[in-house]
Amino acid sequence: MLPVYLGEPVSPEMLTATLAELDVTLQVLEDKFLQNKAFLTGPHISLADLIAITELVYLYLDLLSQPCRAVYIFAKKNGIPFELRTVDLLKGQQYSDDFAQVNPLRKVPALKDGDFTLAESVAILLYLTRKYEAPDHWYPQDLQSRARVDEYLAWQHTTLRTSCTRTMWQKMLFPVFLGQRVPPETLASTLAELDRCLQLLEDKFLKDQDFLSGPHISVADLVAITELMHPVSAGCDIFKSRPKLAAWRKRVEAAVGEDLFQEAHADIMKAKDLPPADTAMKERLKPLVQLLLQ
């Protein structure tokens, strides 16, 4: 479509990477879902087969974004067949007219499943757990266990996410990417708020459990760990003085698989090496800068 319809060339490297990802997805479709059956769910055709033969789920992500990483890890870990559509946030691709057709909110992550589109990372995670019948521990059927997951997901939006995002931008992206000085008192206040949120994460949610909602990993743990990797990428050793949190991180990494964890965080861990933003990008990011310096 790009070369024929839009007259836009695609680099051989990008096409090769896309085809390799498609091959991985098709292998998962065979191994996890089709196996040795006549159809995906058994001896007879079902809606699952119609959906699979027409199109895969599309996930619109930028792995610099922490909620995108949570969705990516969940989908890969659970063998969900999807096609990745990268939306480069720093280039402003979320503001394109094409992407607005998928998500008028102009944010990632976003999901497209046939004619159905969905925004917001928590909604997407829960949609995927239900559609693909993910193992129960991700979003438990037990009323109170599920309520614990919901409790964390409701809390983190305006607390841990905010402090982790501000820390990464103020400590790394403002000075390195935008060439903008952050007042020491602003950064100190942000780091103090991050420390307060980490203490709440330990005391209120983790406690003496293996994972945030009990003995097994859930979507709450994915959402939390991807948030915490934001300040880690900026050089904050937030686990050094928190052995309980450090042990939890190791359990989460082991549960999802170290290779997948590193794959999902490769981009954010290299963010410190981003080339300086040009004038146009700085202008586009002005509203975000003002928000993150408040």
C-alpha atoms as a PDB file:
ATOM      1  CA  MET A   1       0.000   0.000   0.000  1.00  0.00           C
ATOM      2  CA  LEU A   2       2.740   2.480   0.849  1.00  0.00           C
ATOM      3  CA  PRO A   3       4.672   2.177  -2.438  1.00  0.00           C
ATOM      4  CA  VAL A   4       1.672   1.542  -4.712  1.00  0.00           C
ATOM      5  CA  TYR A   5      -1.073   3.691  -3.196  1.00  0.00           C
ATOM      6  CA  LEU A   6       0.927   6.457  -1.517  1.00  0.00           C
ATOM      7  CA  GLY A   7       4.055   6.360  -3.664  1.00  0.00           C
ATOM      8  CA  GLU A   8       6.173   6.194  -0.519  1.00  0.00           C
ATOM      9  CA  PRO A   9       9.194   3.858  -0.456  1.00  0.00           C
ATOM     10  CA  VAL A  10       9.736   1.483   2.440  1.00  0.00           C
ATOM     11  CA  SER A  11      13.270   0.651   3.531  1.00  0.00           C
ATOM     12  CA  PRO A  12      14.291  -3.000   3.046  1.00  0.00           C
ATOM     13  CA  GLU A  13      15.251  -3.189   6.733  1.00  0.00           C
ATOM     14  CA  MET A  14      11.794  -2.077   7.873  1.00  0.00           C
ATOM     15  CA  LEU A  15      10.021  -4.489   5.535  1.00  0.00           C
ATOM     16  CA  THR A  16      12.284  -7.338   6.654  1.00  0.00           C
ATOM     17  CA  ALA A  17      11.539  -6.606  10.319  1.00  0.00           C
ATOM     18  CA  THR A  18       7.800  -6.452   9.620  1.00  0.00           C
ATOM     19  CA  LEU A  19       7.834  -9.768   7.768  1.00  0.00           C
ATOM     20  CA  ALA A  20       9.861 -11.378  10.562  1.00  0.00           C
ATOM     21  CA  GLU A  21       7.311 -10.223  13.143  1.00  0.00           C
ATOM     22  CA  LEU A  22       4.481 -11.566  10.978  1.00  0.00           C
ATOM     23  CA  ASP A  23       6.240 -14.927  10.792  1.00  0.00           C
ATOM     24  CA  VAL A  24       6.538 -15.066  14.578  1.00  0.00           C
ATOM     25  CA  THR A  25       2.837 -14.257  14.943  1.00  0.00           C
ATOM     26  CA  LEU A  26       1.804 -16.924  12.439  1.00  0.00           C
ATOM     27  CA  GLN A  27       3.917 -19.479  14.299  1.00  0.00           C
ATOM     28  CA  VAL A  28       2.120 -18.605  17.516  1.00  0.00           C
ATOM     29  CA  LEU A  29      -1.229 -18.964  15.703  1.00  0.00           C
ATOM     30  CA  GLU A  30      -0.228 -22.482  14.664  1.00  0.00           C
ATOM     31  CA  ASP A  31       1.413 -23.643  17.884  1.00  0.00           C
ATOM     32  CA  LYS A  32      -0.901 -22.172  20.516  1.00  0.00           C
ATOM     33  CA  PHE A  33      -4.286 -22.054  18.804  1.00  0.00           C
ATOM     34  CA  LEU A  34      -4.481 -24.376  15.777  1.00  0.00           C
ATOM     35  CA  GLN A  35      -2.167 -27.113  17.066  1.00  0.00           C
ATOM     36  CA  ASN A  36      -3.299 -30.407  15.433  1.00  0.00           C
ATOM     37  CA  LYS A  37      -6.989 -29.505  15.226  1.00  0.00           C
ATOM     38  CA  ALA A  38      -9.053 -29.014  12.086  1.00  0.00           C
ATOM     39  CA  PHE A  39     -10.059 -25.539  13.260  1.00  0.00           C
ATOM     40  CA  LEU A  40      -8.863 -23.164  15.982  1.00  0.00           C
ATOM     41  CA  THR A  41     -11.231 -24.395  18.680  1.00  0.00           C
ATOM     42  CA  GLY A  42     -11.821 -28.002  17.614  1.00  0.00           C
ATOM     43  CA  PRO A  43     -13.288 -30.121  14.816  1.00  0.00           C
ATOM     44  CA  HIS A  44     -15.738 -27.450  13.583  1.00  0.00           C
ATOM     45  CA  ILE A  45     -15.383 -23.908  12.308  1.00  0.00           C
ATOM     46  CA  SER A  46     -16.143 -21.097  14.764  1.00  0.00           C
ATOM     47  CA  LEU A  47     -16.115 -17.316  14.943  1.00  0.00           C
ATOM     48  CA  ALA A  48     -12.480 -17.575  15.976  1.00  0.00           C
ATOM     49  CA  ASP A  49     -11.589 -18.991  12.572  1.00  0.00           C
ATOM     50  CA  LEU A  50     -13.480 -16.241  10.735  1.00  0.00           C
ATOM     51  CA  ILE A  51     -11.734 -13.553  12.736  1.00  0.00           C
ATOM     52  CA  ALA A  52      -8.320 -15.163  12.252  1.00  0.00           C
ATOM     53  CA  ILE A  53      -8.707 -15.631   8.516  1.00  0.00           C
ATOM     54  CA  THR A  54      -9.866 -12.059   7.912  1.00  0.00           C
ATOM     55  CA  GLU A  55      -7.390 -10.085   9.999  1.00  0.00           C
ATOM     56  CA  LEU A  56      -5.348 -10.038  13.164  1.00  0.00           C
ATOM     57  CA  VAL A  57      -5.700  -7.580  16.003  1.00  0.00           C
ATOM     58  CA  TYR A  58      -3.679  -4.422  15.382  1.00  0.00           C
ATOM     59  CA  LEU A  59      -1.891  -2.846  18.331  1.00  0.00           C
ATOM     60  CA  TYR A  60      -0.757   0.754  17.893  1.00  0.00           C
ATOM     61  CA  LEU A  61       2.171   1.249  20.237  1.00  0.00           C
ATOM     62  CA  ASP A  62       5.322   3.196  20.960  1.00  0.00           C
ATOM     63  CA  LEU A  63       7.518   1.263  23.382  1.00  0.00           C
ATOM     64  CA  LEU A  64       8.849   4.525  24.811  1.00  0.00           C
ATOM     65  CA  SER A  65       5.427   4.657  26.465  1.00  0.00           C
ATOM     66  CA  GLN A  66       5.041   2.695  29.677  1.00  0.00           C
ATOM     67  CA  PRO A  67       1.395   1.580  29.117  1.00  0.00           C
ATOM     68  CA  CYS A  68       2.340   0.481  25.612  1.00  0.00           C
ATOM     69  CA  ARG A  69       5.052  -1.726  27.071  1.00  0.00           C
ATOM     70  CA  ALA A  70       2.530  -3.319  29.447  1.00  0.00           C
ATOM     71  CA  VAL A  71       0.182  -4.139  26.555  1.00  0.00           C
ATOM     72  CA  TYR A  72       3.068  -5.425  24.426  1.00  0.00           C
ATOM     73  CA  ILE A  73       4.425  -7.720  27.143  1.00  0.00           C
ATOM     74  CA  PHE A  74       0.959  -9.074  27.915  1.00  0.00           C
ATOM     75  CA  ALA A  75       0.158  -9.829  24.272  1.00  0.00           C
ATOM     76  CA  LYS A  76       3.520 -11.474  23.575  1.00  0.00           C
ATOM     77  CA  LYS A  77       3.573 -13.461  26.809  1.00  0.00           C
ATOM     78  CA  ASN A  78       0.109 -14.866  26.164  1.00  0.00           C
ATOM     79  CA  GLY A  79       0.704 -15.718  22.516  1.00  0.00           C
ATOM     80  CA  ILE A  80      -1.959 -13.303  21.288  1.00  0.00           C
ATOM     81  CA  PRO A  81      -1.771 -12.942  17.492  1.00  0.00           C
ATOM     82  CA  PHE A  82      -1.356  -9.261  16.675  1.00  0.00           C
ATOM     83  CA  GLU A  83       0.273  -6.961  14.199  1.00  0.00           C
ATOM     84  CA  LEU A  84       2.329  -4.140  15.677  1.00  0.00           C
ATOM     85  CA  ARG A  85       1.715  -0.690  14.225  1.00  0.00           C
ATOM     86  CA  THR A  86       4.384   1.620  15.635  1.00  0.00           C
ATOM     87  CA  VAL A  87       3.284   5.190  16.334  1.00  0.00           C
ATOM     88  CA  ASP A  88       6.340   7.386  16.902  1.00  0.00           C
ATOM     89  CA  LEU A  89       5.294   9.797  19.629  1.00  0.00           C
ATOM     90  CA  LEU A  90       8.348  12.027  19.409  1.00  0.00           C
ATOM     91  CA  LYS A  91       7.681  12.531  15.695  1.00  0.00           C
ATOM     92  CA  GLY A  92       4.073  13.424  16.429  1.00  0.00           C
ATOM     93  CA  GLN A  93       2.598  10.535  14.465  1.00  0.00           C
ATOM     94  CA  GLN A  94      -0.244  10.315  16.998  1.00  0.00           C
ATOM     95  CA  TYR A  95      -1.545  13.586  15.560  1.00  0.00           C
ATOM     96  CA  SER A  96      -1.892  12.275  12.011  1.00  0.00           C
ATOM     97  CA  ASP A  97      -5.333  12.088  10.410  1.00  0.00           C
ATOM     98  CA  ASP A  98      -4.863   8.360   9.762  1.00  0.00           C
ATOM     99  CA  PHE A  99      -4.243   7.597  13.425  1.00  0.00           C
ATOM    100  CA  ALA A 100      -7.166   9.797  14.479  1.00  0.00           C
ATOM    101  CA  GLN A 101      -9.423   7.331  12.643  1.00  0.00           C
ATOM    102  CA  VAL A 102      -8.200   4.658  15.064  1.00  0.00           C
ATOM    103  CA  ASN A 103      -8.127   6.780  18.203  1.00  0.00           C
ATOM    104  CA  PRO A 104      -9.612  10.286  18.144  1.00  0.00           C
ATOM    105  CA  LEU A 105      -7.934  10.855  21.527  1.00  0.00           C
ATOM    106  CA  ARG A 106      -4.622  10.725  19.605  1.00  0.00           C
ATOM    107  CA  LYS A 107      -2.899   8.641  22.258  1.00  0.00           C
ATOM    108  CA  VAL A 108      -1.274   5.231  22.414  1.00  0.00           C
ATOM    109  CA  PRO A 109      -1.827   2.428  23.051  1.00  0.00           C
ATOM    110  CA  ALA A 110      -4.771   1.790  20.760  1.00  0.00           C
ATOM    111  CA  LEU A 111      -6.307  -1.422  19.468  1.00  0.00           C
ATOM    112  CA  LYS A 112      -8.156  -2.254  16.254  1.00  0.00           C
ATOM    113  CA  ASP A 113      -9.991  -5.561  16.038  1.00  0.00           C
ATOM    114  CA  GLY A 114     -11.915  -5.689  12.764  1.00  0.00           C
ATOM    115  CA  ASP A 115     -14.214  -2.661  12.851  1.00  0.00           C
ATOM    116  CA  PHE A 116     -13.828  -2.336  16.621  1.00  0.00           C
ATOM    117  CA  THR A 117     -11.354   0.190  18.014  1.00  0.00           C
ATOM    118  CA  LEU A 118     -10.366   0.721  21.626  1.00  0.00           C
ATOM    119  CA  ALA A 119      -8.271   3.268  23.532  1.00  0.00           C
ATOM    120  CA  GLU A 120      -6.774   3.342  27.039  1.00  0.00           C
ATOM    121  CA  SER A 121      -4.241   0.767  28.190  1.00  0.00           C
ATOM    122  CA  VAL A 122      -6.284  -0.732  31.036  1.00  0.00           C
ATOM    123  CA  ALA A 123      -9.323  -1.185  28.787  1.00  0.00           C
ATOM    124  CA  ILE A 124      -7.103  -2.833  26.158  1.00  0.00           C
ATOM    125  CA  LEU A 125      -5.465  -5.168  28.664  1.00  0.00           C
ATOM    126  CA  LEU A 126      -8.823  -6.306  30.034  1.00  0.00           C
ATOM    127  CA  TYR A 127     -10.258  -6.699  26.538  1.00  0.00           C
ATOM    128  CA  LEU A 128      -7.365  -8.964  25.589  1.00  0.00           C
ATOM    129  CA  THR A 129      -7.686 -11.034  28.768  1.00  0.00           C
ATOM    130  CA  ARG A 130     -11.353 -11.700  28.014  1.00  0.00           C
ATOM    131  CA  LYS A 131     -11.179 -12.181  24.265  1.00  0.00           C
ATOM    132  CA  TYR A 132      -8.268 -14.607  24.394  1.00  0.00           C
ATOM    133  CA  GLU A 133      -9.234 -16.196  27.718  1.00  0.00           C
ATOM    134  CA  ALA A 134      -5.852 -15.510  29.310  1.00  0.00           C
ATOM    135  CA  PRO A 135      -4.903 -17.576  32.367  1.00  0.00           C
ATOM    136  CA  ASP A 136      -6.984 -16.561  35.359  1.00  0.00           C
ATOM    137  CA  HIS A 137      -4.109 -15.091  37.380  1.00  0.00           C
ATOM    138  CA  TRP A 138      -3.805 -12.130  34.997  1.00  0.00           C
ATOM    139  CA  TYR A 139      -7.281 -10.844  35.922  1.00  0.00           C
ATOM    140  CA  PRO A 140      -8.781 -13.246  38.458  1.00  0.00           C
ATOM    141  CA  GLN A 141     -12.401 -14.380  38.440  1.00  0.00           C
ATOM    142  CA  ASP A 142     -12.435 -14.382  42.247  1.00  0.00           C
ATOM    143  CA  LEU A 143     -14.322 -11.256  43.294  1.00  0.00           C
ATOM    144  CA  GLN A 144     -11.906  -9.967  45.918  1.00  0.00           C
ATOM    145  CA  SER A 145      -8.746 -10.891  44.002  1.00  0.00           C
ATOM    146  CA  ARG A 146     -10.052  -9.053  40.953  1.00  0.00           C
ATOM    147  CA  ALA A 147     -10.985  -6.099  43.149  1.00  0.00           C
ATOM    148  CA  ARG A 148      -7.357  -5.873  44.326  1.00  0.00           C
ATOM    149  CA  VAL A 149      -6.177  -5.674  40.717  1.00  0.00           C
ATOM    150  CA  ASP A 150      -8.829  -3.049  39.955  1.00  0.00           C
ATOM    151  CA  GLU A 151      -7.812  -1.099  43.050  1.00  0.00           C
ATOM    152  CA  TYR A 152      -4.216  -0.800  41.894  1.00  0.00           C
ATOM    153  CA  LEU A 153      -5.182   0.051  38.316  1.00  0.00           C
ATOM    154  CA  ALA A 154      -7.454   2.831  39.589  1.00  0.00           C
ATOM    155  CA  TRP A 155      -4.782   4.224  41.941  1.00  0.00           C
ATOM    156  CA  GLN A 156      -1.759   4.291  39.671  1.00  0.00           C
ATOM    157  CA  HIS A 157      -3.033   6.722  37.004  1.00  0.00           C
ATOM    158  CA  THR A 158      -2.608   9.902  39.002  1.00  0.00           C
ATOM    159  CA  THR A 159       0.111   8.777  41.397  1.00  0.00           C
ATOM    160  CA  LEU A 160       2.850   6.408  40.289  1.00  0.00           C
ATOM    161  CA  ARG A 161       2.434   7.135  36.576  1.00  0.00           C
ATOM    162  CA  THR A 162       2.601  10.859  37.100  1.00  0.00           C
ATOM    163  CA  SER A 163       5.681  10.769  39.325  1.00  0.00           C
ATOM    164  CA  CYS A 164       7.530   8.250  37.122  1.00  0.00           C
ATOM    165  CA  THR A 165       6.822  10.259  33.972  1.00  0.00           C
ATOM    166  CA  ARG A 166       7.870  13.550  35.541  1.00  0.00           C
ATOM    167  CA  THR A 167      11.060  11.974  36.897  1.00  0.00           C
ATOM    168  CA  MET A 168      12.151  10.620  33.533  1.00  0.00           C
ATOM    169  CA  TRP A 169      11.471  13.840  31.673  1.00  0.00           C
ATOM    170  CA  GLN A 170      12.943  16.180  34.283  1.00  0.00           C
ATOM    171  CA  LYS A 171      16.030  14.097  34.996  1.00  0.00           C
ATOM    172  CA  MET A 172      16.830  12.949  31.447  1.00  0.00           C
ATOM    173  CA  LEU A 173      14.718  14.151  28.518  1.00  0.00           C
ATOM    174  CA  PHE A 174      14.554  17.830  29.397  1.00  0.00           C
ATOM    175  CA  PRO A 175      18.333  18.329  29.723  1.00  0.00           C
ATOM    176  CA  VAL A 176      19.461  15.721  27.147  1.00  0.00           C
ATOM    177  CA  PHE A 177      16.750  15.724  24.484  1.00  0.00           C
ATOM    178  CA  LEU A 178      15.347  19.247  24.755  1.00  0.00           C
ATOM    179  CA  GLY A 179      18.437  21.020  26.103  1.00  0.00           C
ATOM    180  CA  GLN A 180      16.326  22.608  28.831  1.00  0.00           C
ATOM    181  CA  ARG A 181      17.488  23.152  32.380  1.00  0.00           C
ATOM    182  CA  VAL A 182      15.230  21.924  35.173  1.00  0.00           C
ATOM    183  CA  PRO A 183      15.306  23.964  38.400  1.00  0.00           C
ATOM    184  CA  PRO A 184      16.936  21.853  41.166  1.00  0.00           C
ATOM    185  CA  GLU A 185      14.021  22.490  43.506  1.00  0.00           C
ATOM    186  CA  THR A 186      11.569  21.193  40.861  1.00  0.00           C
ATOM    187  CA  LEU A 187      13.516  17.969  40.381  1.00  0.00           C
ATOM    188  CA  ALA A 188      13.920  17.535  44.149  1.00  0.00           C
ATOM    189  CA  SER A 189      10.162  17.877  44.632  1.00  0.00           C
ATOM    190  CA  THR A 190       9.497  15.346  41.865  1.00  0.00           C
ATOM    191  CA  LEU A 191      11.929  12.816  43.346  1.00  0.00           C
ATOM    192  CA  ALA A 192      10.362  13.247  46.775  1.00  0.00           C
ATOM    193  CA  GLU A 193       6.914  12.548  45.312  1.00  0.00           C
ATOM    194  CA  LEU A 194       8.282   9.481  43.527  1.00  0.00           C
ATOM    195  CA  ASP A 195       9.718   8.200  46.801  1.00  0.00           C
ATOM    196  CA  ARG A 196       6.345   8.716  48.491  1.00  0.00           C
ATOM    197  CA  CYS A 197       4.578   6.736  45.749  1.00  0.00           C
ATOM    198  CA  LEU A 198       7.115   3.920  45.956  1.00  0.00           C
ATOM    199  CA  GLN A 199       6.522   3.688  49.688  1.00  0.00           C
ATOM    200  CA  LEU A 200       2.777   3.439  49.087  1.00  0.00           C
ATOM    201  CA  LEU A 201       3.373   0.795  46.434  1.00  0.00           C
ATOM    202  CA  GLU A 202       5.241  -1.294  48.989  1.00  0.00           C
ATOM    203  CA  ASP A 203       3.066  -0.652  52.036  1.00  0.00           C
ATOM    204  CA  LYS A 204      -0.406  -0.611  50.521  1.00  0.00           C
ATOM    205  CA  PHE A 205      -0.179  -2.964  47.537  1.00  0.00           C
ATOM    206  CA  LEU A 206       2.842  -5.273  47.693  1.00  0.00           C
ATOM    207  CA  LYS A 207       2.997  -5.764  51.473  1.00  0.00           C
ATOM    208  CA  ASP A 208       4.513  -9.225  52.091  1.00  0.00           C
ATOM    209  CA  GLN A 209       3.047 -10.830  48.974  1.00  0.00           C
ATOM    210  CA  ASP A 210       4.918 -12.141  45.962  1.00  0.00           C
ATOM    211  CA  PHE A 211       2.922  -9.915  43.615  1.00  0.00           C
ATOM    212  CA  LEU A 212       0.697  -6.869  43.953  1.00  0.00           C
ATOM    213  CA  SER A 213      -2.600  -8.725  44.140  1.00  0.00           C
ATOM    214  CA  GLY A 214      -1.482 -11.995  45.734  1.00  0.00           C
ATOM    215  CA  PRO A 215       0.651 -15.062  45.020  1.00  0.00           C
ATOM    216  CA  HIS A 216       0.502 -14.807  41.213  1.00  0.00           C
ATOM    217  CA  ILE A 217       1.390 -12.172  38.640  1.00  0.00           C
ATOM    218  CA  SER A 218      -1.476 -10.055  37.298  1.00  0.00           C
ATOM    219  CA  VAL A 219      -1.942  -7.163  34.886  1.00  0.00           C
ATOM    220  CA  ALA A 220      -1.387  -4.879  37.899  1.00  0.00           C
ATOM    221  CA  ASP A 221       2.237  -6.035  38.105  1.00  0.00           C
ATOM    222  CA  LEU A 222       2.812  -5.396  34.388  1.00  0.00           C
ATOM    223  CA  VAL A 223       1.379  -1.899  34.644  1.00  0.00           C
ATOM    224  CA  ALA A 224       3.507  -1.185  37.720  1.00  0.00           C
ATOM    225  CA  ILE A 225       6.850  -2.523  36.506  1.00  0.00           C
ATOM    226  CA  THR A 226       6.637  -0.721  33.179  1.00  0.00           C
ATOM    227  CA  GLU A 227       6.013   2.522  35.046  1.00  0.00           C
ATOM    228  CA  LEU A 228       9.045   1.998  37.294  1.00  0.00           C
ATOM    229  CA  MET A 229      11.353   1.440  34.336  1.00  0.00           C
ATOM    230  CA  HIS A 230      10.822   5.084  33.355  1.00  0.00           C
ATOM    231  CA  PRO A 231      12.886   6.511  36.249  1.00  0.00           C
ATOM    232  CA  VAL A 232      15.303   3.570  35.943  1.00  0.00           C
ATOM    233  CA  SER A 233      15.995   4.610  32.344  1.00  0.00           C
ATOM    234  CA  ALA A 234      16.870   8.087  33.632  1.00  0.00           C
ATOM    235  CA  GLY A 235      19.495   6.676  35.989  1.00  0.00           C
ATOM    236  CA  CYS A 236      17.436   6.493  39.189  1.00  0.00           C
ATOM    237  CA  ASP A 237      18.331   3.376  41.155  1.00  0.00           C
ATOM    238  CA  ILE A 238      14.933   3.190  42.808  1.00  0.00           C
ATOM    239  CA  PHE A 239      15.404  -0.439  43.872  1.00  0.00           C
ATOM    240  CA  LYS A 240      18.742  -0.013  45.675  1.00  0.00           C
ATOM    241  CA  SER A 241      17.284   1.007  49.038  1.00  0.00           C
ATOM    242  CA  ARG A 242      14.117  -1.067  48.627  1.00  0.00           C
ATOM    243  CA  PRO A 243      14.991  -4.791  48.823  1.00  0.00           C
ATOM    244  CA  LYS A 244      11.335  -5.830  48.951  1.00  0.00           C
ATOM    245  CA  LEU A 245      10.595  -3.950  45.735  1.00  0.00           C
ATOM    246  CA  ALA A 246      13.805  -5.264  44.136  1.00  0.00           C
ATOM    247  CA  ALA A 247      12.797  -8.866  44.893  1.00  0.00           C
ATOM    248  CA  TRP A 248       9.345  -8.198  43.411  1.00  0.00           C
ATOM    249  CA  ARG A 249      10.944  -6.838  40.241  1.00  0.00           C
ATOM    250  CA  LYS A 250      12.963 -10.031  39.847  1.00  0.00           C
ATOM    251  CA  ARG A 251       9.827 -12.140  40.274  1.00  0.00           C
ATOM    252  CA  VAL A 252       7.969 -10.105  37.655  1.00  0.00           C
ATOM    253  CA  GLU A 253      10.854 -10.379  35.180  1.00  0.00           C
ATOM    254  CA  ALA A 254      11.072 -14.132  35.755  1.00  0.00           C
ATOM    255  CA  ALA A 255       7.311 -14.540  35.309  1.00  0.00           C
ATOM    256  CA  VAL A 256       7.212 -12.747  31.942  1.00  0.00           C
ATOM    257  CA  GLY A 257      10.629 -13.963  30.798  1.00  0.00           C
ATOM    258  CA  GLU A 258      13.854 -11.972  30.910  1.00  0.00           C
ATOM    259  CA  ASP A 259      14.242 -11.840  27.112  1.00  0.00           C
ATOM    260  CA  LEU A 260      10.742 -10.442  26.596  1.00  0.00           C
ATOM    261  CA  PHE A 261      11.215  -7.960  29.437  1.00  0.00           C
ATOM    262  CA  GLN A 262      14.455  -6.650  27.942  1.00  0.00           C
ATOM    263  CA  GLU A 263      12.957  -6.561  24.438  1.00  0.00           C
ATOM    264  CA  ALA A 264      10.043  -4.430  25.610  1.00  0.00           C
ATOM    265  CA  HIS A 265      12.345  -1.996  27.456  1.00  0.00           C
ATOM    266  CA  ALA A 266      15.160  -1.747  24.911  1.00  0.00           C
ATOM    267  CA  ASP A 267      13.943   1.579  23.474  1.00  0.00           C
ATOM    268  CA  ILE A 268      13.386   3.321  26.792  1.00  0.00           C
ATOM    269  CA  MET A 269      16.743   2.165  28.142  1.00  0.00           C
ATOM    270  CA  LYS A 270      18.394   3.822  25.105  1.00  0.00           C
ATOM    271  CA  ALA A 271      16.390   7.041  25.381  1.00  0.00           C
ATOM    272  CA  LYS A 272      19.385   8.812  26.944  1.00  0.00           C
ATOM    273  CA  ASP A 273      21.116   8.448  23.573  1.00  0.00           C
ATOM    274  CA  LEU A 274      18.398  10.222  21.583  1.00  0.00           C
ATOM    275  CA  PRO A 275      19.725  13.001  19.320  1.00  0.00           C
ATOM    276  CA  PRO A 276      18.741  16.519  20.392  1.00  0.00           C
ATOM    277  CA  ALA A 277      15.269  17.588  19.330  1.00  0.00           C
ATOM    278  CA  ASP A 278      14.987  20.000  16.422  1.00  0.00           C
ATOM    279  CA  THR A 279      13.170  23.319  16.626  1.00  0.00           C
ATOM    280  CA  ALA A 280       9.913  21.951  15.218  1.00  0.00           C
ATOM    281  CA  MET A 281       9.819  19.131  17.734  1.00  0.00           C
ATOM    282  CA  LYS A 282      10.571  21.458  20.630  1.00  0.00           C
ATOM    283  CA  GLU A 283       7.690  23.650  19.539  1.00  0.00           C
ATOM    284  CA  ARG A 284       5.357  20.658  19.295  1.00  0.00           C
ATOM    285  CA  LEU A 285       6.352  19.495  22.784  1.00  0.00           C
ATOM    286  CA  LYS A 286       5.848  22.884  24.468  1.00  0.00           C
ATOM    287  CA  PRO A 287       2.450  22.014  26.028  1.00  0.00           C
ATOM    288  CA  LEU A 288       3.905  18.785  27.447  1.00  0.00           C
ATOM    289  CA  VAL A 289       6.940  20.634  28.804  1.00  0.00           C
ATOM    290  CA  GLN A 290       4.728  23.147  30.607  1.00  0.00           C
ATOM    291  CA  LEU A 291       2.645  20.339  32.076  1.00  0.00           C
ATOM    292  CA  LEU A 292       5.626  18.300  33.303  1.00  0.00           C
ATOM    293  CA  LEU A 293       7.334  21.296  34.913  1.00  0.00           C
ATOM    294  CA  GLN A 294       4.317  22.287  37.004  1.00  0.00           C
END
